[in-house]
Each structure stands twice: as C-alpha cells, then as structure tokens.
Amino acid sequence: MKHLVRAGGLLLGLLLLAFFLPRIVGTTTYLEGYGFYPRNDEANANEWASLPAQYAESSVCSSCHADKYGAWKESVHSTVNCEDCHSPGKAHIEEGKTLVADTSRELCGLCHAKVIGRPRSFPQVDIKTHGGVSICTTCHNPHNPSQSAQQDSGKPTETARPPAIPHTLEGRDNCLLCHSTGGIKPFPGDHDGRSLDTCSICHKSK
C-alpha cells in the first residue's frame, strides 16, 4: 500500500511541476501553443478593453424609457438587467433596431419555477399549471411585480385590478361550471387552460 501512496505523490508532484515550472522560468512560443502565456496585466486589460461592447447597463435605457426604468429601479426586479429579457441592446441603441422581449413562460420559470432548493419566501409557481397557457405578462407586470400588467400598460389605476366577483361563493365554489367555454358567462380567450385554483388568485368576492 505504501508504494501506491509514493507513486501517487510522485505523480502529483510531476503534475504540479509541469503546471508551475513554465510560469516560473518564463514562457516560450512553443509553450504558448499549449496555453501557457506570460503574465502581463496591462496587455490583458487592454485586450479586453479593445473588444466591441455588446451589452449595456440598464441605466442606458433610462434616457428613452424613463417610465419603465423608474418602475423597474424601485422594484424587486431591479437585480434583473433589461437585456436579460429584451436581448442585447447594442443594435437598438446604435441603429434603432426593434428589440423583441422574451415573454415566454420558460424565461420566467428560470427564476420562478417551483424548485426544492429555493427559499420558501421566494415567489415560486408550478409553471405547468399556473395561469393555464397564458404568458405571464398577461397578469404580471415584469417591470414591477407589485403592480398589475394593466398598470404597466398605462391604463387607469381604477381598471388595473381584475374584476371582482359580483356574487357570494357559497355553493358556487366551482367557477368553471359557469365561466368555462360554453358556460353562462364564458371567461376571456386568454384565460383558456387555467385551472380552478387560479381564479381566486386574481378575482376576489365583493
């Protein structure tokens, strides 16, 4: 057993020597082909600085989109950069090309899908069932989650909240009996696929 330990120690020593020796004695052109480069902090910094910028700080967006930026800056989403959802803005800023925001349920799910390892206090939902097939921004304001999607669209505050339930829920706890497609009062088309447990999340009884 001792000979195996010695052999392992020798092998480890040779690997460390092969890694550190070129950095101690200097780097030749031959060794650069294997990824060993001489350390030059200034040249390294200059090389990175010379690369064309592809991404921008969210503060750049504020000059043209002050309303959206203000709402975002004061919200819990202020740690999410604009380009995370809107894609790189270089061509938009320099050439006026339109940005296409990713409003997919999959993107929102990267942070908000229910995951065992996430803190319970973090907003999480079952992406497969929550909200049916509607995109998340139908109900949620991505710039400021504490507001509704209608508030983000600029509609008056009094119409921002979903309609209240005009009747009691006693004996009427199954909303889909009357409000599904073909019911007495069908729900809007963008509600298709939503489960019963999502009704009371948005609609409250008077």
Foldseek 3Di string as FASTA:
>chain_A
DVVVVVVVVVVVVVVVCVVCVCQVVDPDPVCVVVPDDHDDPVVVVVVVVPDDDFADFQVVVCVPPVPLSVLLCPAPNVVPGPCLFQPTCPCCVPPVDHTDGHQALVSVCVQADDDPPDDPVGHHDPSPAAQFRAGPLVFADNSHRVFTSCVVVVDDPVPRADEADADDCVVPLQVCCAADVVHVNHDDPSSPGHDSVNPCVRYHHD
